[in-house]
Amino acid sequence: MDSWNAVMEEYREQREKNAREESRRKHEVFSAHPDIAALCDKRMQLVTDGIRGMLTGNASDPDIPAIMQQYNQDIRKKLASYGYPEEYLEPVYRCGICRDTGFVGEPVRERCACLRKALAEKCGQNGSEEAGFEYSNPDIFPDTPLPGQSVTQRKYMNLVIGKCREYAEQYRSGPVRNLLLHGESGLGKTYLLQCIAKRVRERGIDAVYVTAYQLLDDLRTEYFRPGTRDTGRYFDCGLLLIDDLGMEPLFDNITVEVVFNVFNERNSRNLGTAISTNLNRIQLKERYTERFISRLLDRRNALDLPLYGQDLRLAVRN
């Protein structure tokens, strides 16, 4: 558990670092060059209108891809004229193959070469790289009481791991189909999602793991370049596991519509969705609306698991 979770946290941190750098670059360029900001706004509006049309079923302008390409060319030329690299406002990735998710492949997700390398290096120090309940070890968590409670973090995490294992074992045979893992960074949410995915697949159920950032990017890309991304699996797979909800860009409520549309469509088919997020329930409601959260956490078919305590990375170091 140590190696896998530590590497997954490193990838999470890298995505957060990427997002900060993208934001810094935009602020730098837009502040100095309003003409580039205006072009980017027009391009974003095109994306927004296109995705909204996709969700509502309205026919789109057949020239949208051509218009988007022209905007991209104009922006790159403007950047070059001001002395910036042409790709300066493009998404920032350490690994351009997996875009810092650690996974590649359509429709089957496999570990990217960069992830395999990172795991191999980490396992040289910490042992097994596998993500699975059989490797779970709550003893890595502090055996000290959680703030304001009598239960220790170690005991509480043992209960959480047990609940997640039960969810994976009983998925489709029990009433619970949706799961929410929420808490601060470094508490093992990504690892637990991977454990659930592994066990569900072992039971013969198609489980798809994806970050929220990748989900939104795939749906946007498929709209503008049909046939390039297998987005149907997000609606059809036996279990969809969305990691890092809240880290994806928020595009004028389009993000909210996309997330709700995927979840609601799956819910209507009695297909489950497991989600992890650093946001608390209040923040989730503010970002995704009460409508989404009330359906996600319907007590009749949902499991809500908050995670508390010390950052796992700090616990391991200590």
Protein backbone atom coordinates (compact mmCIF):
# COMPACT_ATOMS: atom_id res chain seq x y z
CA MET A 1 0.00 0.00 0.00
CA ASP A 2 2.85 2.39 0.86
CA SER A 3 4.48 2.40 -2.57
CA TRP A 4 1.33 2.62 -4.65
CA ASN A 5 -0.28 5.31 -2.54
CA ALA A 6 2.91 7.37 -2.36
CA VAL A 7 3.31 7.32 -6.15
CA MET A 8 -0.37 8.15 -6.71
CA GLU A 9 0.00 11.12 -4.37
CA GLU A 10 3.05 12.25 -6.34
CA TYR A 11 0.98 12.16 -9.54
CA ARG A 12 -1.81 14.07 -7.81
CA GLU A 13 0.68 16.71 -6.68
CA GLN A 14 2.06 16.94 -10.20
CA ARG A 15 -1.41 17.59 -11.62
CA GLU A 16 -1.96 20.31 -9.03
CA LYS A 17 1.44 21.80 -9.93
CA ASN A 18 0.47 21.69 -13.63
CA ALA A 19 -2.78 23.52 -12.92
CA ARG A 20 -0.96 26.25 -10.98
CA GLU A 21 1.57 26.72 -13.77
CA GLU A 22 -1.17 26.92 -16.41
CA SER A 23 -2.94 29.55 -14.31
CA ARG A 24 0.27 31.53 -13.85
CA ARG A 25 0.99 31.55 -17.58
CA LYS A 26 -2.52 32.71 -18.44
CA HIS A 27 -2.35 35.52 -15.90
CA GLU A 28 1.05 36.58 -17.23
CA VAL A 29 -0.03 36.64 -20.89
CA PHE A 30 -3.56 37.96 -20.47
CA SER A 31 -2.44 40.84 -18.22
CA ALA A 32 0.11 42.03 -20.77
CA HIS A 33 -1.75 41.20 -23.98
CA PRO A 34 -5.57 41.68 -23.92
CA ASP A 35 -5.79 40.72 -27.59
CA ILE A 36 -4.68 37.18 -26.75
CA ALA A 37 -7.08 37.10 -23.81
CA ALA A 38 -9.93 38.06 -26.16
CA LEU A 39 -9.06 35.28 -28.60
CA CYS A 40 -8.92 32.74 -25.77
CA ASP A 41 -12.29 33.94 -24.49
CA LYS A 42 -13.82 33.43 -27.93
CA ARG A 43 -12.27 29.99 -28.16
CA MET A 44 -13.61 29.07 -24.73
CA GLN A 45 -17.08 30.29 -25.67
CA LEU A 46 -16.95 28.03 -28.72
CA VAL A 47 -16.06 25.08 -26.48
CA THR A 48 -18.80 26.00 -24.01
CA ASP A 49 -21.48 26.32 -26.68
CA GLY A 50 -20.36 23.08 -28.30
CA ILE A 51 -20.46 21.01 -25.12
CA ARG A 52 -23.79 22.51 -24.12
CA GLY A 53 -25.14 21.52 -27.53
CA MET A 54 -23.77 18.03 -27.07
CA LEU A 55 -25.50 17.64 -23.71
CA THR A 56 -28.82 19.07 -24.87
CA GLY A 57 -28.82 17.16 -28.17
CA ASN A 58 -28.89 20.29 -30.33
CA ALA A 59 -27.18 20.02 -33.70
CA SER A 60 -23.76 21.68 -33.74
CA ASP A 61 -22.20 23.89 -36.37
CA PRO A 62 -20.30 21.52 -38.71
CA ASP A 63 -17.55 24.13 -39.01
CA ILE A 64 -16.76 24.21 -35.27
CA PRO A 65 -13.58 22.08 -35.61
CA ALA A 66 -12.35 24.38 -38.41
CA ILE A 67 -13.15 27.49 -36.38
CA MET A 68 -11.36 26.00 -33.37
CA GLN A 69 -8.31 25.24 -35.48
CA GLN A 70 -8.25 28.82 -36.74
CA TYR A 71 -8.44 30.20 -33.19
CA ASN A 72 -5.57 27.93 -32.16
CA GLN A 73 -3.44 29.11 -35.07
CA ASP A 74 -4.20 32.78 -34.35
CA ILE A 75 -3.32 32.37 -30.67
CA ARG A 76 -0.03 30.63 -31.46
CA LYS A 77 0.93 33.35 -33.94
CA LYS A 78 0.12 36.07 -31.42
CA LEU A 79 2.19 34.36 -28.76
CA ALA A 80 5.16 34.03 -31.09
CA SER A 81 4.89 37.69 -32.10
CA TYR A 82 5.23 38.69 -28.43
CA GLY A 83 8.22 36.42 -27.87
CA TYR A 84 6.49 33.48 -26.20
CA PRO A 85 6.73 29.84 -27.31
CA GLU A 86 3.76 28.99 -29.53
CA GLU A 87 2.62 26.29 -27.10
CA TYR A 88 2.93 28.53 -24.00
CA LEU A 89 -0.82 28.41 -23.25
CA GLU A 90 -1.22 24.71 -24.00
CA PRO A 91 -1.93 22.28 -21.11
CA VAL A 92 1.16 21.60 -19.00
CA TYR A 93 2.22 17.97 -18.53
CA ARG A 94 5.33 16.27 -17.22
CA CYS A 95 4.45 13.19 -19.29
CA GLY A 96 2.75 14.02 -22.56
CA ILE A 97 1.74 10.39 -23.10
CA CYS A 98 -0.51 9.91 -20.07
CA ARG A 99 -0.89 13.63 -19.26
CA ASP A 100 0.25 12.90 -15.73
CA THR A 101 -2.59 10.52 -14.95
CA GLY A 102 -0.31 7.47 -14.95
CA PHE A 103 -2.62 5.55 -17.29
CA VAL A 104 -2.92 5.12 -21.06
CA GLY A 105 -4.97 3.09 -23.50
CA GLU A 106 -8.44 3.10 -25.04
CA PRO A 107 -10.71 1.48 -24.09
CA VAL A 108 -8.62 -0.53 -21.57
CA ARG A 109 -6.56 1.53 -19.14
CA GLU A 110 -2.98 0.35 -18.64
CA ARG A 111 -0.12 1.81 -16.65
CA CYS A 112 1.95 4.34 -18.53
CA ALA A 113 5.68 3.70 -18.83
CA CYS A 114 6.31 6.67 -16.53
CA LEU A 115 4.10 5.12 -13.84
CA ARG A 116 5.76 1.73 -14.16
CA LYS A 117 9.13 3.40 -13.77
CA ALA A 118 8.02 5.44 -10.76
CA LEU A 119 6.59 2.34 -9.09
CA ALA A 120 9.72 0.32 -9.78
CA GLU A 121 11.87 3.03 -8.21
CA LYS A 122 9.58 3.37 -5.21
CA CYS A 123 9.27 -0.38 -4.72
CA GLY A 124 13.02 -0.65 -4.56
CA GLN A 125 12.62 1.06 -1.20
CA ASN A 126 9.15 0.16 0.02
CA GLY A 127 8.19 -3.27 -1.33
CA SER A 128 5.08 -4.27 -3.29
CA GLU A 129 3.65 -1.91 -5.90
CA GLU A 130 0.21 -3.52 -6.08
CA ALA A 131 -3.03 -1.74 -5.36
CA GLY A 132 -5.34 -4.32 -3.85
CA PHE A 133 -7.13 -4.99 -0.58
CA GLU A 134 -4.81 -7.91 0.05
CA TYR A 135 -1.94 -5.41 0.30
CA SER A 136 -3.80 -2.89 2.47
CA ASN A 137 -2.06 -2.12 5.73
CA PRO A 138 -3.79 0.34 8.09
CA ASP A 139 -0.81 0.09 10.42
CA ILE A 140 0.92 2.80 8.39
CA PHE A 141 -1.56 5.29 9.85
CA PRO A 142 -0.92 6.90 13.25
CA ASP A 143 -2.37 5.04 16.21
CA THR A 144 -3.43 8.31 17.80
CA PRO A 145 -6.97 9.64 18.34
CA LEU A 146 -8.51 11.74 15.61
CA PRO A 147 -9.14 15.35 16.68
CA GLY A 148 -12.16 15.51 18.96
CA GLN A 149 -12.76 11.75 18.81
CA SER A 150 -11.81 8.71 20.85
CA VAL A 151 -11.14 6.47 17.82
CA THR A 152 -7.61 6.47 16.38
CA GLN A 153 -6.82 7.19 12.75
CA ARG A 154 -5.50 3.66 12.35
CA LYS A 155 -8.68 2.07 13.67
CA TYR A 156 -10.87 4.40 11.63
CA MET A 157 -8.95 3.69 8.41
CA ASN A 158 -9.27 -0.03 9.09
CA LEU A 159 -13.05 0.48 9.19
CA VAL A 160 -12.96 2.53 5.96
CA ILE A 161 -10.90 -0.13 4.17
CA GLY A 162 -13.40 -2.74 5.34
CA LYS A 163 -16.33 -0.68 4.03
CA CYS A 164 -14.63 -0.25 0.66
CA ARG A 165 -13.87 -3.96 0.46
CA GLU A 166 -17.49 -4.75 1.28
CA TYR A 167 -18.65 -2.31 -1.39
CA ALA A 168 -16.44 -4.02 -3.99
CA GLU A 169 -17.52 -7.51 -2.92
CA GLN A 170 -21.23 -6.74 -2.90
CA TYR A 171 -21.40 -4.35 -5.84
CA ARG A 172 -24.44 -5.24 -7.99
CA SER A 173 -25.68 -7.83 -5.49
CA GLY A 174 -26.50 -5.27 -2.79
CA PRO A 175 -28.48 -2.00 -2.73
CA VAL A 176 -25.44 0.28 -2.64
CA ARG A 177 -24.19 1.32 -6.07
CA ASN A 178 -22.66 4.79 -5.53
CA LEU A 179 -19.71 5.68 -3.32
CA LEU A 180 -18.16 8.97 -2.21
CA LEU A 181 -14.70 9.13 -0.63
CA HIS A 182 -13.88 12.63 0.56
CA GLY A 183 -11.14 14.16 2.68
CA GLU A 184 -7.84 16.00 2.56
CA SER A 185 -4.94 14.97 0.32
CA GLY A 186 -2.74 12.11 1.40
CA LEU A 187 -5.35 9.93 3.12
CA GLY A 188 -5.44 7.12 0.56
CA LYS A 189 -8.52 7.93 -1.53
CA THR A 190 -6.87 7.13 -4.88
CA TYR A 191 -5.47 3.90 -3.51
CA LEU A 192 -8.87 2.81 -2.24
CA LEU A 193 -10.48 3.52 -5.63
CA GLN A 194 -7.80 1.39 -7.28
CA CYS A 195 -8.43 -1.42 -4.79
CA ILE A 196 -12.15 -1.30 -5.52
CA ALA A 197 -11.54 -1.31 -9.28
CA LYS A 198 -9.22 -4.31 -9.01
CA ARG A 199 -11.63 -6.37 -6.92
CA VAL A 200 -14.66 -5.50 -9.06
CA ARG A 201 -12.75 -6.53 -12.20
CA GLU A 202 -11.77 -9.79 -10.52
CA ARG A 203 -15.50 -10.44 -10.10
CA GLY A 204 -15.96 -10.07 -13.86
CA ILE A 205 -17.44 -6.57 -13.84
CA ASP A 206 -16.11 -3.93 -16.22
CA ALA A 207 -14.68 -1.15 -14.04
CA VAL A 208 -13.28 2.05 -15.56
CA TYR A 209 -11.00 4.31 -13.53
CA VAL A 210 -10.51 7.90 -14.70
CA THR A 211 -9.54 11.23 -13.17
CA ALA A 212 -12.16 13.98 -13.33
CA TYR A 213 -9.71 16.04 -15.39
CA GLN A 214 -9.35 13.21 -17.93
CA LEU A 215 -13.11 12.62 -18.04
CA LEU A 216 -13.84 16.22 -18.94
CA ASP A 217 -10.96 16.33 -21.42
CA ASP A 218 -12.15 13.15 -23.15
CA LEU A 219 -15.73 14.41 -23.50
CA ARG A 220 -14.57 17.75 -24.88
CA THR A 221 -12.11 16.14 -27.30
CA GLU A 222 -14.63 13.60 -28.55
CA TYR A 223 -17.09 16.38 -29.29
CA PHE A 224 -14.66 18.31 -31.47
CA ARG A 225 -12.91 15.26 -32.94
CA PRO A 226 -15.50 12.46 -33.10
CA GLY A 227 -14.07 8.97 -32.94
CA THR A 228 -10.86 9.95 -31.16
CA ARG A 229 -11.96 9.09 -27.59
CA ASP A 230 -14.07 6.21 -26.33
CA THR A 231 -16.43 8.22 -24.14
CA GLY A 232 -19.26 5.69 -24.40
CA ARG A 233 -17.57 3.53 -21.77
CA TYR A 234 -18.12 6.26 -19.17
CA PHE A 235 -21.86 5.77 -19.60
CA ASP A 236 -21.91 2.00 -20.17
CA CYS A 237 -19.26 0.36 -17.97
CA GLY A 238 -20.29 -1.71 -14.97
CA LEU A 239 -18.63 0.65 -12.48
CA LEU A 240 -17.16 4.10 -13.14
CA LEU A 241 -14.53 5.35 -10.70
CA ILE A 242 -13.85 9.10 -10.91
CA ASP A 243 -10.76 10.25 -9.02
CA ASP A 244 -9.96 13.80 -7.94
CA LEU A 245 -13.38 15.37 -8.56
CA GLY A 246 -12.92 19.09 -8.15
CA MET A 247 -9.50 19.26 -9.82
CA GLU A 248 -10.97 19.55 -13.34
CA PRO A 249 -11.35 23.04 -14.91
CA LEU A 250 -14.66 24.78 -14.21
CA PHE A 251 -16.03 26.08 -17.52
CA ASP A 252 -19.05 28.37 -16.95
CA ASN A 253 -21.23 25.58 -15.52
CA ILE A 254 -20.39 23.28 -18.44
CA THR A 255 -18.22 21.21 -16.11
CA VAL A 256 -21.15 20.83 -13.75
CA GLU A 257 -23.46 19.83 -16.60
CA VAL A 258 -20.99 17.24 -17.89
CA VAL A 259 -20.43 15.65 -14.47
CA PHE A 260 -24.14 15.60 -13.69
CA ASN A 261 -25.05 14.23 -17.11
CA VAL A 262 -22.63 11.31 -16.82
CA PHE A 263 -23.71 10.49 -13.26
CA ASN A 264 -27.43 10.91 -13.90
CA GLU A 265 -27.38 8.77 -17.04
CA ARG A 266 -25.57 5.99 -15.18
CA ASN A 267 -27.93 6.29 -12.24
CA SER A 268 -30.93 5.91 -14.54
CA ARG A 269 -29.40 2.63 -15.78
CA ASN A 270 -28.74 1.41 -12.22
CA LEU A 271 -24.99 1.61 -12.86
CA GLY A 272 -22.74 2.68 -10.02
CA THR A 273 -20.28 5.55 -9.75
CA ALA A 274 -17.51 5.75 -7.16
CA ILE A 275 -15.98 9.21 -6.62
CA SER A 276 -13.04 10.57 -4.66
CA THR A 277 -12.53 14.25 -3.91
CA ASN A 278 -10.59 16.62 -1.67
CA LEU A 279 -13.73 18.75 -1.33
CA ASN A 280 -16.01 18.48 1.67
CA ARG A 281 -19.78 18.16 1.32
CA ILE A 282 -20.38 21.91 1.56
CA GLN A 283 -17.79 22.61 -1.15
CA LEU A 284 -19.25 19.87 -3.33
CA LYS A 285 -22.71 21.44 -3.11
CA GLU A 286 -21.32 24.87 -3.94
CA ARG A 287 -19.47 23.57 -7.00
CA TYR A 288 -21.83 20.90 -8.35
CA THR A 289 -25.22 22.02 -6.94
CA GLU A 290 -27.56 20.43 -4.41
CA ARG A 291 -29.29 18.47 -7.19
CA PHE A 292 -26.15 16.45 -7.97
CA ILE A 293 -25.08 15.87 -4.37
CA SER A 294 -28.55 14.82 -3.19
CA ARG A 295 -28.65 12.14 -5.90
CA LEU A 296 -25.06 11.06 -5.32
CA LEU A 297 -25.66 10.63 -1.59
CA ASP A 298 -29.14 9.13 -1.71
CA ARG A 299 -29.11 6.94 1.40
CA ARG A 300 -31.08 4.24 -0.36
CA ASN A 301 -28.22 3.39 -2.71
CA ALA A 302 -25.10 5.33 -1.69
CA LEU A 303 -22.18 5.02 0.71
CA ASP A 304 -20.62 8.22 2.08
CA LEU A 305 -17.13 7.71 3.52
CA PRO A 306 -15.31 10.77 4.88
CA LEU A 307 -11.58 10.33 5.56
CA TYR A 308 -9.88 12.11 8.44
CA GLY A 309 -6.47 12.41 10.00
CA GLN A 310 -2.84 12.97 9.23
CA ASP A 311 -1.49 13.03 5.69
CA LEU A 312 -0.32 9.50 4.87
CA ARG A 313 2.96 10.83 3.48
CA LEU A 314 3.72 12.51 6.79
CA ALA A 315 2.67 9.42 8.69
CA VAL A 316 5.02 7.25 6.63
CA ARG A 317 7.92 9.66 7.19
CA ASN A 318 7.27 9.71 10.90
